[in-house]
Every structure is written in C-alpha cells, then in structure tokens.
Amino acid sequence: MERKYTILTILLVVLALGLVILPKKNGRKESDPKALLSAITEKSRYLSVDQVTHRIIENDPTLLLIDLRPADQFKTFALPGAINILPDSLLTPSNLELLNQPGKDKILYSNSDLLSEKAWLFCSRYEVNRLYVMKGGMNEWFNTIIKVKDASGTPSSTDLELVSFRNAARQYFVGSGETNAAPVTPKVAEKVVVIRKAPKASSGGGC
C-alpha cells in the first residue's frame, strides 16, 4: 500500500513540475511552485473513509463532498450531500467559486486515488484551501464500510470499536441487509448554496 502511494507521489511531482512551466491562465492567482511541490510530499491531504463516513453521519456542516466520477456512476449511488463535478470542469469560474467557499472542507474522491489526486493538484495550483482527498476513493469506501470484515486475531478494544462503527455505518447507508450487498439506490444530493461576496460599494466620482 505504501509503495502504491510512493509511486503516486512521484507521478504528482512530475505533473506539478509540468504545471510550473505552463503559462498562467486568465490572470488567476496561483500558488508558489515550491509550496505546491512541498505539499505533494505531505500526507495531510488524505482523509480515511472512516473519517469521511463519521462526518457524513454526524451531518457535519463544514463537509463538502465532490464526486469526480462519471454522471451515470454518481446517479447509481452517491454519498449523502455529494455533488458531481467532472474533473475537466473543476476550474470553471462557477466551480472555483464553489471550491473557495469559506468554512468548508472540500473532499475530492473518485473510484480510486489517481483521478482525485490529479484534481487535488490542479485545484491546489489555484490556491483552493481546505482541500482533501478521500484515500482509496469509492472502492475503498465500499470495501471498508459496506463489506465490513470482522477483526482478525486477538483484536484490541480499538479494533472492536472500529468494526462496531463500520457495522453501524453500513446499516446507516444500506439497512440491515447482507454485508456484501451493494447499495443500488442513490442518496439525494443536497443542493449546495454558493456564498457569493457582496460587491464593493462605489466610492463615487472618478475622472
């Protein structure tokens, strides 16, 4: 697993170096290349599926889930409150305004990590803050939350609590059906209200 993320980090560094030499677009403010490269090597951008699931269940108002999967997959099953934005439209003016909402933790995810990591990199270039990646994506979410596994060996109290949480979370999302059953009915995504900045008052006069 760690080797996988080491390779992914190397790919991101290569992509970041490519971004550094690209010209700026539309006068948008961009992050310092050195700061961007430094952020890539850190792991603070990752949130586990357990962390994300806990915040969904708690109805965390600071959580903004951004599903990068194709629309047909999103319609088949969506995490509660998630909005569907295709990667190639992330940097449109309206979506950048959405991503720059104050007081929100923006969580990017796709089926696995590669697409969400690339999206994180491009958004980070334009200084979108409080931006995270759900580690492992929906594949990891299904394997961890929906297909809950019993603790193996001699589990610690922490392991037992985690399994208990995952079982409760599975029931929250799909009811008390079979452990290996996959959800087929999507949760209705909540409409996200974009907080727009009020226009500055005119000082009057002029030349």
N, C-alpha and C. Protein backbone atom coordinates (compact mmCIF):
# COMPACT_ATOMS: atom_id res chain seq x y z
N MET A 1 0.83 -1.21 0.00
CA MET A 1 0.00 0.00 0.00
C MET A 1 0.86 1.26 0.00
N GLU A 2 1.88 1.29 0.87
CA GLU A 2 2.75 2.47 0.92
C GLU A 2 3.50 2.65 -0.39
N ARG A 3 3.89 1.52 -1.01
CA ARG A 3 4.59 1.62 -2.30
C ARG A 3 3.69 2.26 -3.35
N LYS A 4 2.40 1.91 -3.30
CA LYS A 4 1.43 2.49 -4.23
C LYS A 4 1.40 4.01 -4.09
N TYR A 5 1.38 4.50 -2.86
CA TYR A 5 1.30 5.94 -2.64
C TYR A 5 2.63 6.64 -2.90
N THR A 6 3.73 5.91 -2.79
CA THR A 6 5.03 6.47 -3.16
C THR A 6 5.07 6.71 -4.67
N ILE A 7 4.61 5.74 -5.44
CA ILE A 7 4.56 5.87 -6.89
C ILE A 7 3.62 7.02 -7.29
N LEU A 8 2.48 7.09 -6.61
CA LEU A 8 1.51 8.15 -6.89
C LEU A 8 2.10 9.52 -6.59
N THR A 9 2.86 9.62 -5.51
CA THR A 9 3.51 10.89 -5.17
C THR A 9 4.50 11.31 -6.24
N ILE A 10 5.28 10.34 -6.75
CA ILE A 10 6.24 10.63 -7.82
C ILE A 10 5.52 11.16 -9.06
N LEU A 11 4.39 10.51 -9.40
CA LEU A 11 3.61 10.97 -10.56
C LEU A 11 3.10 12.39 -10.36
N LEU A 12 2.67 12.69 -9.13
CA LEU A 12 2.18 14.04 -8.84
C LEU A 12 3.29 15.08 -8.94
N VAL A 13 4.47 14.71 -8.48
CA VAL A 13 5.61 15.63 -8.58
C VAL A 13 5.92 15.94 -10.04
N VAL A 14 5.88 14.90 -10.89
CA VAL A 14 6.12 15.10 -12.32
C VAL A 14 5.06 16.02 -12.91
N LEU A 15 3.79 15.78 -12.54
CA LEU A 15 2.71 16.64 -13.02
C LEU A 15 2.88 18.07 -12.55
N ALA A 16 3.27 18.22 -11.28
CA ALA A 16 3.46 19.56 -10.71
C ALA A 16 4.56 20.31 -11.43
N LEU A 17 5.65 19.61 -11.75
CA LEU A 17 6.74 20.25 -12.48
C LEU A 17 6.27 20.71 -13.86
N GLY A 18 5.38 19.93 -14.46
CA GLY A 18 4.81 20.34 -15.73
C GLY A 18 3.95 21.58 -15.59
N LEU A 19 3.20 21.65 -14.49
CA LEU A 19 2.35 22.82 -14.26
C LEU A 19 3.17 24.09 -14.05
N VAL A 20 4.32 23.92 -13.43
CA VAL A 20 5.17 25.08 -13.13
C VAL A 20 5.57 25.81 -14.40
N ILE A 21 5.83 25.06 -15.47
CA ILE A 21 6.31 25.69 -16.70
C ILE A 21 5.17 26.16 -17.60
N LEU A 22 3.92 25.80 -17.24
CA LEU A 22 2.80 26.25 -18.04
C LEU A 22 2.51 27.72 -17.75
N PRO A 23 2.07 28.46 -18.75
CA PRO A 23 1.74 29.87 -18.51
C PRO A 23 0.49 29.99 -17.65
N LYS A 24 0.37 31.10 -16.93
CA LYS A 24 -0.82 31.35 -16.12
C LYS A 24 -2.01 31.58 -17.04
N LYS A 25 -3.19 31.19 -16.54
CA LYS A 25 -4.40 31.32 -17.34
C LYS A 25 -5.34 32.34 -16.72
N ASN A 26 -5.89 33.19 -17.56
CA ASN A 26 -6.96 34.11 -17.16
C ASN A 26 -6.60 34.97 -15.95
N GLY A 27 -5.32 35.19 -15.71
CA GLY A 27 -4.92 36.03 -14.60
C GLY A 27 -5.24 35.47 -13.23
N ARG A 28 -5.53 34.17 -13.13
CA ARG A 28 -5.87 33.59 -11.84
C ARG A 28 -4.65 33.56 -10.94
N LYS A 29 -4.89 33.76 -9.67
CA LYS A 29 -3.82 33.70 -8.69
C LYS A 29 -3.39 32.24 -8.52
N GLU A 30 -2.09 31.98 -8.59
CA GLU A 30 -1.59 30.62 -8.48
C GLU A 30 -0.65 30.49 -7.28
N SER A 31 -0.58 29.29 -6.76
CA SER A 31 0.26 29.03 -5.60
C SER A 31 1.74 29.00 -6.00
N ASP A 32 2.60 29.22 -5.04
CA ASP A 32 4.03 29.18 -5.27
C ASP A 32 4.44 27.76 -5.64
N PRO A 33 5.18 27.57 -6.73
CA PRO A 33 5.56 26.21 -7.16
C PRO A 33 6.27 25.41 -6.08
N LYS A 34 7.16 26.05 -5.32
CA LYS A 34 7.88 25.34 -4.26
C LYS A 34 6.92 24.86 -3.17
N ALA A 35 5.95 25.71 -2.83
CA ALA A 35 4.97 25.34 -1.81
C ALA A 35 4.11 24.18 -2.30
N LEU A 36 3.77 24.19 -3.59
CA LEU A 36 2.96 23.13 -4.17
C LEU A 36 3.71 21.80 -4.14
N LEU A 37 4.99 21.84 -4.53
CA LEU A 37 5.79 20.61 -4.51
C LEU A 37 5.96 20.07 -3.09
N SER A 38 6.09 20.97 -2.14
CA SER A 38 6.22 20.57 -0.74
C SER A 38 4.94 19.91 -0.25
N ALA A 39 3.79 20.47 -0.65
CA ALA A 39 2.50 19.93 -0.21
C ALA A 39 2.26 18.52 -0.75
N ILE A 40 2.80 18.24 -1.93
CA ILE A 40 2.61 16.93 -2.54
C ILE A 40 3.22 15.82 -1.70
N THR A 41 4.38 16.08 -1.11
CA THR A 41 5.08 15.04 -0.35
C THR A 41 4.47 14.81 1.03
N GLU A 42 3.60 15.70 1.47
CA GLU A 42 2.93 15.51 2.75
C GLU A 42 1.70 14.63 2.57
N LYS A 43 1.21 14.07 3.68
CA LYS A 43 0.03 13.21 3.61
C LYS A 43 -1.17 13.82 4.33
N SER A 44 -1.04 15.08 4.70
CA SER A 44 -2.11 15.72 5.45
C SER A 44 -3.36 15.94 4.61
N ARG A 45 -3.24 15.80 3.28
CA ARG A 45 -4.41 15.99 2.42
C ARG A 45 -5.35 14.79 2.46
N TYR A 46 -4.89 13.65 3.00
CA TYR A 46 -5.71 12.45 3.00
C TYR A 46 -6.65 12.39 4.19
N LEU A 47 -7.90 12.01 3.92
CA LEU A 47 -8.84 11.64 4.97
C LEU A 47 -9.26 10.21 4.70
N SER A 48 -9.31 9.39 5.75
CA SER A 48 -9.70 8.00 5.58
C SER A 48 -11.20 7.90 5.34
N VAL A 49 -11.64 6.78 4.80
CA VAL A 49 -13.08 6.58 4.57
C VAL A 49 -13.83 6.58 5.91
N ASP A 50 -13.18 6.13 6.97
CA ASP A 50 -13.82 6.16 8.29
C ASP A 50 -14.06 7.60 8.74
N GLN A 51 -13.06 8.46 8.54
CA GLN A 51 -13.20 9.86 8.93
C GLN A 51 -14.33 10.54 8.15
N VAL A 52 -14.35 10.30 6.84
CA VAL A 52 -15.39 10.90 5.99
C VAL A 52 -16.77 10.37 6.38
N THR A 53 -16.87 9.06 6.60
CA THR A 53 -18.15 8.45 6.95
C THR A 53 -18.68 9.00 8.27
N HIS A 54 -17.79 9.16 9.24
CA HIS A 54 -18.20 9.70 10.54
C HIS A 54 -18.78 11.11 10.37
N ARG A 55 -18.15 11.91 9.55
CA ARG A 55 -18.62 13.28 9.34
C ARG A 55 -19.94 13.32 8.57
N ILE A 56 -20.14 12.37 7.66
CA ILE A 56 -21.43 12.28 6.96
C ILE A 56 -22.54 11.96 7.94
N ILE A 57 -22.32 10.95 8.78
CA ILE A 57 -23.33 10.52 9.74
C ILE A 57 -23.65 11.63 10.74
N GLU A 58 -22.62 12.40 11.11
CA GLU A 58 -22.81 13.49 12.06
C GLU A 58 -23.39 14.75 11.41
N ASN A 59 -23.65 14.67 10.09
CA ASN A 59 -24.17 15.83 9.35
C ASN A 59 -23.28 17.07 9.54
N ASP A 60 -22.00 16.86 9.42
CA ASP A 60 -21.03 17.94 9.59
C ASP A 60 -21.28 19.05 8.56
N PRO A 61 -21.64 20.24 9.00
CA PRO A 61 -21.96 21.32 8.05
C PRO A 61 -20.74 21.86 7.29
N THR A 62 -19.54 21.53 7.76
CA THR A 62 -18.34 22.02 7.07
C THR A 62 -17.88 21.08 5.96
N LEU A 63 -18.59 19.96 5.78
CA LEU A 63 -18.17 18.94 4.82
C LEU A 63 -18.79 19.21 3.45
N LEU A 64 -17.95 19.26 2.41
CA LEU A 64 -18.42 19.38 1.04
C LEU A 64 -17.77 18.27 0.22
N LEU A 65 -18.57 17.27 -0.12
CA LEU A 65 -18.09 16.11 -0.87
C LEU A 65 -18.20 16.36 -2.36
N ILE A 66 -17.09 16.16 -3.07
CA ILE A 66 -17.07 16.38 -4.51
C ILE A 66 -16.74 15.07 -5.20
N ASP A 67 -17.75 14.53 -5.85
CA ASP A 67 -17.66 13.23 -6.53
C ASP A 67 -17.21 13.48 -7.97
N LEU A 68 -16.05 12.95 -8.33
CA LEU A 68 -15.46 13.18 -9.65
C LEU A 68 -15.80 12.09 -10.66
N ARG A 69 -16.61 11.13 -10.26
CA ARG A 69 -16.93 10.00 -11.14
C ARG A 69 -17.87 10.44 -12.26
N PRO A 70 -17.98 9.62 -13.33
CA PRO A 70 -18.94 9.93 -14.39
C PRO A 70 -20.37 10.01 -13.84
N ALA A 71 -21.21 10.77 -14.53
CA ALA A 71 -22.56 11.05 -14.06
C ALA A 71 -23.39 9.78 -13.85
N ASP A 72 -23.21 8.76 -14.71
CA ASP A 72 -24.01 7.55 -14.57
C ASP A 72 -23.66 6.81 -13.28
N GLN A 73 -22.38 6.81 -12.90
CA GLN A 73 -21.99 6.17 -11.65
C GLN A 73 -22.50 6.96 -10.45
N PHE A 74 -22.46 8.27 -10.56
CA PHE A 74 -22.97 9.12 -9.48
C PHE A 74 -24.46 8.89 -9.26
N LYS A 75 -25.21 8.73 -10.35
CA LYS A 75 -26.66 8.51 -10.23
C LYS A 75 -26.98 7.14 -9.65
N THR A 76 -26.09 6.17 -9.87
CA THR A 76 -26.31 4.83 -9.33
C THR A 76 -26.19 4.82 -7.82
N PHE A 77 -25.18 5.51 -7.31
CA PHE A 77 -25.04 5.66 -5.86
C PHE A 77 -24.20 6.88 -5.56
N ALA A 78 -24.71 7.72 -4.68
CA ALA A 78 -23.98 8.92 -4.28
C ALA A 78 -23.94 9.01 -2.77
N LEU A 79 -22.81 9.41 -2.24
CA LEU A 79 -22.73 9.68 -0.81
C LEU A 79 -23.63 10.86 -0.49
N PRO A 80 -24.30 10.83 0.66
CA PRO A 80 -25.23 11.91 1.01
C PRO A 80 -24.56 13.29 0.98
N GLY A 81 -25.22 14.20 0.30
CA GLY A 81 -24.72 15.57 0.23
C GLY A 81 -23.67 15.82 -0.83
N ALA A 82 -23.20 14.76 -1.51
CA ALA A 82 -22.15 14.93 -2.51
C ALA A 82 -22.68 15.65 -3.75
N ILE A 83 -21.80 16.38 -4.40
CA ILE A 83 -22.13 16.99 -5.68
C ILE A 83 -21.20 16.40 -6.73
N ASN A 84 -21.70 16.28 -7.94
CA ASN A 84 -20.96 15.65 -9.03
C ASN A 84 -20.34 16.72 -9.92
N ILE A 85 -19.02 16.77 -9.95
CA ILE A 85 -18.30 17.70 -10.83
C ILE A 85 -17.28 16.89 -11.61
N LEU A 86 -17.35 16.93 -12.91
CA LEU A 86 -16.37 16.22 -13.73
C LEU A 86 -15.03 16.95 -13.66
N PRO A 87 -13.93 16.21 -13.65
CA PRO A 87 -12.60 16.82 -13.48
C PRO A 87 -12.29 17.94 -14.45
N ASP A 88 -12.73 17.81 -15.71
CA ASP A 88 -12.37 18.83 -16.69
C ASP A 88 -13.17 20.13 -16.53
N SER A 89 -14.13 20.15 -15.59
CA SER A 89 -14.88 21.38 -15.36
C SER A 89 -14.63 21.95 -13.96
N LEU A 90 -13.67 21.39 -13.24
CA LEU A 90 -13.39 21.85 -11.88
C LEU A 90 -12.96 23.31 -11.84
N LEU A 91 -12.23 23.75 -12.85
CA LEU A 91 -11.65 25.08 -12.81
C LEU A 91 -12.46 26.13 -13.55
N THR A 92 -13.72 25.84 -13.82
CA THR A 92 -14.58 26.87 -14.39
C THR A 92 -14.82 27.94 -13.31
N PRO A 93 -15.11 29.17 -13.70
CA PRO A 93 -15.32 30.23 -12.70
C PRO A 93 -16.36 29.87 -11.63
N SER A 94 -17.48 29.26 -12.05
CA SER A 94 -18.53 28.94 -11.07
C SER A 94 -18.08 27.86 -10.10
N ASN A 95 -17.35 26.85 -10.60
CA ASN A 95 -16.89 25.78 -9.72
C ASN A 95 -15.74 26.25 -8.82
N LEU A 96 -14.90 27.13 -9.32
CA LEU A 96 -13.85 27.69 -8.46
C LEU A 96 -14.46 28.50 -7.33
N GLU A 97 -15.56 29.20 -7.64
CA GLU A 97 -16.26 29.95 -6.60
C GLU A 97 -16.82 29.00 -5.55
N LEU A 98 -17.35 27.87 -6.01
CA LEU A 98 -17.87 26.85 -5.10
C LEU A 98 -16.74 26.28 -4.23
N LEU A 99 -15.61 25.99 -4.86
CA LEU A 99 -14.48 25.40 -4.15
C LEU A 99 -13.85 26.36 -3.15
N ASN A 100 -14.02 27.64 -3.38
CA ASN A 100 -13.42 28.63 -2.49
C ASN A 100 -14.38 29.14 -1.42
N GLN A 101 -15.48 28.42 -1.21
CA GLN A 101 -16.40 28.80 -0.14
C GLN A 101 -15.66 28.78 1.20
N PRO A 102 -15.80 29.81 1.99
CA PRO A 102 -15.17 29.81 3.32
C PRO A 102 -15.88 28.84 4.26
N GLY A 103 -15.11 28.27 5.17
CA GLY A 103 -15.70 27.42 6.19
C GLY A 103 -16.05 26.02 5.74
N LYS A 104 -15.58 25.61 4.56
CA LYS A 104 -15.90 24.29 4.03
C LYS A 104 -14.62 23.47 3.82
N ASP A 105 -14.68 22.19 4.20
CA ASP A 105 -13.63 21.23 3.85
C ASP A 105 -14.07 20.51 2.59
N LYS A 106 -13.34 20.72 1.51
CA LYS A 106 -13.71 20.12 0.24
C LYS A 106 -13.02 18.76 0.10
N ILE A 107 -13.80 17.70 -0.02
CA ILE A 107 -13.27 16.34 -0.09
C ILE A 107 -13.45 15.80 -1.50
N LEU A 108 -12.36 15.57 -2.20
CA LEU A 108 -12.40 15.03 -3.55
C LEU A 108 -12.32 13.51 -3.50
N TYR A 109 -13.10 12.86 -4.36
CA TYR A 109 -12.96 11.41 -4.46
C TYR A 109 -13.48 10.92 -5.80
N SER A 110 -12.91 9.79 -6.25
CA SER A 110 -13.38 9.09 -7.43
C SER A 110 -13.42 7.61 -7.06
N ASN A 111 -13.30 6.71 -8.03
CA ASN A 111 -13.31 5.29 -7.68
C ASN A 111 -12.03 4.88 -6.96
N SER A 112 -10.90 5.42 -7.40
CA SER A 112 -9.62 5.15 -6.73
C SER A 112 -8.94 6.50 -6.51
N ASP A 113 -7.62 6.50 -6.37
CA ASP A 113 -6.94 7.74 -5.99
C ASP A 113 -6.41 8.60 -7.13
N LEU A 114 -6.08 7.99 -8.26
CA LEU A 114 -5.34 8.72 -9.29
C LEU A 114 -6.08 9.97 -9.77
N LEU A 115 -7.35 9.84 -10.11
CA LEU A 115 -8.10 10.97 -10.63
C LEU A 115 -8.28 12.06 -9.59
N SER A 116 -8.59 11.67 -8.35
CA SER A 116 -8.79 12.67 -7.30
C SER A 116 -7.47 13.35 -6.92
N GLU A 117 -6.36 12.63 -7.00
CA GLU A 117 -5.06 13.24 -6.74
C GLU A 117 -4.73 14.29 -7.81
N LYS A 118 -5.01 13.96 -9.05
CA LYS A 118 -4.75 14.92 -10.13
C LYS A 118 -5.64 16.16 -9.96
N ALA A 119 -6.91 15.92 -9.59
CA ALA A 119 -7.82 17.04 -9.36
C ALA A 119 -7.33 17.89 -8.19
N TRP A 120 -6.85 17.24 -7.14
CA TRP A 120 -6.30 17.97 -5.99
C TRP A 120 -5.14 18.85 -6.42
N LEU A 121 -4.28 18.31 -7.27
CA LEU A 121 -3.10 19.05 -7.72
C LEU A 121 -3.51 20.29 -8.51
N PHE A 122 -4.43 20.13 -9.45
CA PHE A 122 -4.84 21.26 -10.28
C PHE A 122 -5.56 22.32 -9.46
N CYS A 123 -6.40 21.88 -8.51
CA CYS A 123 -7.10 22.85 -7.66
C CYS A 123 -6.13 23.55 -6.72
N SER A 124 -5.15 22.79 -6.22
CA SER A 124 -4.16 23.38 -5.31
C SER A 124 -3.32 24.42 -6.02
N ARG A 125 -3.13 24.25 -7.31
CA ARG A 125 -2.35 25.23 -8.08
C ARG A 125 -3.00 26.61 -7.99
N TYR A 126 -4.34 26.60 -7.89
CA TYR A 126 -5.07 27.87 -7.81
C TYR A 126 -5.48 28.19 -6.38
N GLU A 127 -4.70 27.69 -5.46
CA GLU A 127 -4.81 28.04 -4.04
C GLU A 127 -6.19 27.79 -3.45
N VAL A 128 -6.83 26.69 -3.86
CA VAL A 128 -8.06 26.28 -3.19
C VAL A 128 -7.64 25.69 -1.84
N ASN A 129 -8.10 26.27 -0.76
CA ASN A 129 -7.67 25.79 0.55
C ASN A 129 -8.68 24.81 1.15
N ARG A 130 -8.28 24.19 2.26
CA ARG A 130 -9.08 23.17 2.94
C ARG A 130 -9.56 22.12 1.94
N LEU A 131 -8.62 21.64 1.14
CA LEU A 131 -8.90 20.68 0.08
C LEU A 131 -8.28 19.33 0.46
N TYR A 132 -9.08 18.26 0.38
CA TYR A 132 -8.62 16.94 0.82
C TYR A 132 -8.99 15.87 -0.21
N VAL A 133 -8.40 14.71 -0.02
CA VAL A 133 -8.69 13.54 -0.85
C VAL A 133 -9.15 12.40 0.06
N MET A 134 -10.29 11.78 -0.28
CA MET A 134 -10.72 10.59 0.47
C MET A 134 -9.85 9.42 0.00
N LYS A 135 -8.97 8.97 0.86
CA LYS A 135 -7.97 7.98 0.48
C LYS A 135 -8.61 6.65 0.07
N GLY A 136 -8.26 6.22 -1.13
CA GLY A 136 -8.80 4.96 -1.64
C GLY A 136 -10.07 5.11 -2.45
N GLY A 137 -10.73 6.27 -2.34
CA GLY A 137 -11.92 6.53 -3.14
C GLY A 137 -13.09 5.62 -2.80
N MET A 138 -14.03 5.53 -3.75
CA MET A 138 -15.24 4.74 -3.52
C MET A 138 -14.96 3.25 -3.42
N ASN A 139 -13.91 2.78 -4.10
CA ASN A 139 -13.56 1.36 -3.97
C ASN A 139 -13.22 1.02 -2.52
N GLU A 140 -12.42 1.88 -1.90
CA GLU A 140 -12.05 1.67 -0.50
C GLU A 140 -13.26 1.85 0.41
N TRP A 141 -14.13 2.79 0.07
CA TRP A 141 -15.32 3.04 0.89
C TRP A 141 -16.22 1.81 0.91
N PHE A 142 -16.47 1.23 -0.26
CA PHE A 142 -17.30 0.03 -0.33
C PHE A 142 -16.65 -1.14 0.42
N ASN A 143 -15.36 -1.32 0.22
CA ASN A 143 -14.66 -2.46 0.84
C ASN A 143 -14.55 -2.31 2.36
N THR A 144 -14.56 -1.06 2.84
CA THR A 144 -14.40 -0.82 4.27
C THR A 144 -15.73 -0.68 5.00
N ILE A 145 -16.64 0.09 4.42
CA ILE A 145 -17.89 0.40 5.11
C ILE A 145 -19.00 -0.59 4.76
N ILE A 146 -19.14 -0.94 3.50
CA ILE A 146 -20.23 -1.82 3.09
C ILE A 146 -19.88 -3.28 3.31
N LYS A 147 -18.66 -3.65 2.94
CA LYS A 147 -18.22 -5.05 3.13
C LYS A 147 -17.38 -5.13 4.40
N VAL A 148 -18.03 -4.93 5.53
CA VAL A 148 -17.30 -4.90 6.80
C VAL A 148 -16.71 -6.26 7.11
N LYS A 149 -15.46 -6.26 7.55
CA LYS A 149 -14.78 -7.51 7.94
C LYS A 149 -14.64 -7.54 9.45
N ASP A 150 -14.81 -8.73 10.02
CA ASP A 150 -14.60 -8.89 11.46
C ASP A 150 -13.13 -8.70 11.79
N ALA A 151 -12.86 -8.22 12.98
CA ALA A 151 -11.47 -8.07 13.43
C ALA A 151 -10.82 -9.44 13.53
N SER A 152 -9.60 -9.57 13.01
CA SER A 152 -8.90 -10.86 13.00
C SER A 152 -7.98 -10.99 14.20
N GLY A 153 -7.58 -12.23 14.48
CA GLY A 153 -6.64 -12.48 15.58
C GLY A 153 -7.26 -12.13 16.92
N THR A 154 -6.44 -11.53 17.76
CA THR A 154 -6.91 -11.06 19.06
C THR A 154 -7.05 -9.54 18.98
N PRO A 155 -8.25 -9.08 18.65
CA PRO A 155 -8.42 -7.64 18.42
C PRO A 155 -8.33 -6.82 19.70
N SER A 156 -7.82 -5.63 19.54
CA SER A 156 -7.78 -4.69 20.67
C SER A 156 -9.14 -4.03 20.80
N SER A 157 -9.34 -3.30 21.88
CA SER A 157 -10.60 -2.60 22.07
C SER A 157 -10.81 -1.56 20.96
N THR A 158 -9.70 -0.97 20.48
CA THR A 158 -9.79 -0.01 19.39
C THR A 158 -10.27 -0.67 18.11
N ASP A 159 -9.75 -1.88 17.83
CA ASP A 159 -10.18 -2.63 16.65
C ASP A 159 -11.66 -2.97 16.73
N LEU A 160 -12.09 -3.39 17.89
CA LEU A 160 -13.50 -3.77 18.07
C LEU A 160 -14.42 -2.56 17.91
N GLU A 161 -13.98 -1.43 18.44
CA GLU A 161 -14.77 -0.20 18.31
C GLU A 161 -14.88 0.20 16.84
N LEU A 162 -13.79 0.03 16.09
CA LEU A 162 -13.79 0.39 14.68
C LEU A 162 -14.75 -0.50 13.89
N VAL A 163 -14.71 -1.81 14.16
CA VAL A 163 -15.62 -2.74 13.48
C VAL A 163 -17.06 -2.42 13.84
N SER A 164 -17.30 -2.10 15.10
CA SER A 164 -18.65 -1.74 15.55
C SER A 164 -19.14 -0.49 14.83
N PHE A 165 -18.25 0.50 14.70
CA PHE A 165 -18.62 1.72 13.99
C PHE A 165 -18.95 1.42 12.53
N ARG A 166 -18.14 0.59 11.88
CA ARG A 166 -18.35 0.29 10.47
C ARG A 166 -19.65 -0.48 10.26
N ASN A 167 -19.98 -1.38 11.18
CA ASN A 167 -21.24 -2.10 11.08
C ASN A 167 -22.42 -1.15 11.21
N ALA A 168 -22.32 -0.22 12.16
CA ALA A 168 -23.39 0.77 12.34
C ALA A 168 -23.49 1.66 11.11
N ALA A 169 -22.34 2.01 10.54
CA ALA A 169 -22.34 2.86 9.35
C ALA A 169 -22.96 2.14 8.17
N ARG A 170 -22.66 0.85 8.02
CA ARG A 170 -23.25 0.08 6.93
C ARG A 170 -24.77 0.08 7.03
N GLN A 171 -25.29 -0.13 8.24
CA GLN A 171 -26.73 -0.11 8.43
C GLN A 171 -27.31 1.27 8.13
N TYR A 172 -26.56 2.30 8.44
CA TYR A 172 -27.00 3.67 8.16
C TYR A 172 -27.20 3.87 6.66
N PHE A 173 -26.28 3.31 5.85
CA PHE A 173 -26.33 3.53 4.41
C PHE A 173 -27.22 2.54 3.67
N VAL A 174 -27.23 1.26 4.08
CA VAL A 174 -27.94 0.25 3.29
C VAL A 174 -28.95 -0.55 4.10
N GLY A 175 -29.14 -0.25 5.37
CA GLY A 175 -30.07 -1.02 6.17
C GLY A 175 -29.40 -2.27 6.72
N SER A 176 -30.20 -3.22 7.14
CA SER A 176 -29.66 -4.42 7.80
C SER A 176 -29.59 -5.61 6.86
N GLY A 177 -29.36 -5.35 5.57
CA GLY A 177 -29.26 -6.45 4.60
C GLY A 177 -27.94 -7.17 4.70
N GLU A 178 -27.62 -7.96 3.68
CA GLU A 178 -26.39 -8.74 3.66
C GLU A 178 -25.18 -7.83 3.65
N THR A 179 -24.12 -8.28 4.32
CA THR A 179 -22.89 -7.49 4.40
C THR A 179 -22.32 -7.17 3.03
N ASN A 180 -22.41 -8.14 2.10
CA ASN A 180 -21.81 -7.96 0.79
C ASN A 180 -22.74 -7.26 -0.20
N ALA A 181 -23.92 -6.89 0.27
CA ALA A 181 -24.84 -6.22 -0.63
C ALA A 181 -24.35 -4.81 -0.91
N ALA A 182 -24.47 -4.40 -2.17
CA ALA A 182 -24.05 -3.04 -2.54
C ALA A 182 -25.28 -2.16 -2.66
N PRO A 183 -25.17 -0.91 -2.27
CA PRO A 183 -26.31 0.00 -2.39
C PRO A 183 -26.69 0.19 -3.85
N VAL A 184 -27.97 0.24 -4.13
CA VAL A 184 -28.42 0.44 -5.51
C VAL A 184 -29.22 1.72 -5.65
N THR A 185 -29.68 2.27 -4.55
CA THR A 185 -30.47 3.49 -4.60
C THR A 185 -29.63 4.66 -4.11
N PRO A 186 -29.45 5.66 -4.95
CA PRO A 186 -28.61 6.79 -4.53
C PRO A 186 -29.28 7.64 -3.48
N LYS A 187 -28.46 8.19 -2.61
CA LYS A 187 -28.95 9.21 -1.71
C LYS A 187 -29.13 10.49 -2.52
N VAL A 188 -30.10 11.27 -2.16
CA VAL A 188 -30.33 12.52 -2.90
C VAL A 188 -29.29 13.55 -2.48
N ALA A 189 -28.58 14.05 -3.46
CA ALA A 189 -27.55 15.05 -3.17
C ALA A 189 -28.21 16.37 -2.80
N GLU A 190 -27.74 16.96 -1.73
CA GLU A 190 -28.29 18.23 -1.29
C GLU A 190 -27.78 19.35 -2.19
N LYS A 191 -28.64 20.33 -2.40
CA LYS A 191 -28.22 21.48 -3.20
C LYS A 191 -27.26 22.33 -2.39
N VAL A 192 -26.12 22.62 -2.98
CA VAL A 192 -25.13 23.44 -2.29
C VAL A 192 -25.34 24.90 -2.64
N VAL A 193 -25.46 25.71 -1.63
CA VAL A 193 -25.65 27.15 -1.84
C VAL A 193 -24.29 27.82 -1.86
N VAL A 194 -24.00 28.48 -2.96
CA VAL A 194 -22.72 29.18 -3.09
C VAL A 194 -22.83 30.53 -2.39
N ILE A 195 -21.90 30.78 -1.49
CA ILE A 195 -21.86 32.05 -0.78
C ILE A 195 -21.06 33.04 -1.62
N ARG A 196 -21.74 34.01 -2.14
CA ARG A 196 -21.08 34.98 -3.01
C ARG A 196 -20.71 36.23 -2.23
N LYS A 197 -19.58 36.79 -2.56
CA LYS A 197 -19.13 38.01 -1.90
C LYS A 197 -19.99 39.19 -2.35
N ALA A 198 -20.33 40.04 -1.42
CA ALA A 198 -21.10 41.22 -1.75
C ALA A 198 -20.24 42.18 -2.54
N PRO A 199 -20.80 42.84 -3.56
CA PRO A 199 -19.99 43.80 -4.36
C PRO A 199 -19.55 44.97 -3.52
N LYS A 200 -18.36 45.45 -3.78
CA LYS A 200 -17.84 46.60 -3.04
C LYS A 200 -18.61 47.86 -3.45
N ALA A 201 -18.86 48.68 -2.47
CA ALA A 201 -19.59 49.92 -2.73
C ALA A 201 -18.72 50.87 -3.55
N SER A 202 -19.36 51.57 -4.44
CA SER A 202 -18.63 52.52 -5.27
C SER A 202 -18.23 53.74 -4.45
N SER A 203 -17.05 54.22 -4.68
CA SER A 203 -16.57 55.37 -3.94
C SER A 203 -17.10 56.69 -4.53
N GLY A 204 -17.74 56.55 -5.70
CA GLY A 204 -18.30 57.74 -6.33
C GLY A 204 -17.27 58.55 -7.05
N GLY A 205 -17.72 59.47 -7.91
CA GLY A 205 -16.80 60.36 -8.62
C GLY A 205 -16.01 59.62 -9.67
N GLY A 206 -14.84 60.07 -9.95
CA GLY A 206 -14.00 59.46 -10.97
C GLY A 206 -13.45 60.54 -11.86
N CYS A 207 -12.61 60.10 -12.78
CA CYS A 207 -12.03 61.12 -13.65
C CYS A 207 -12.43 60.87 -15.09
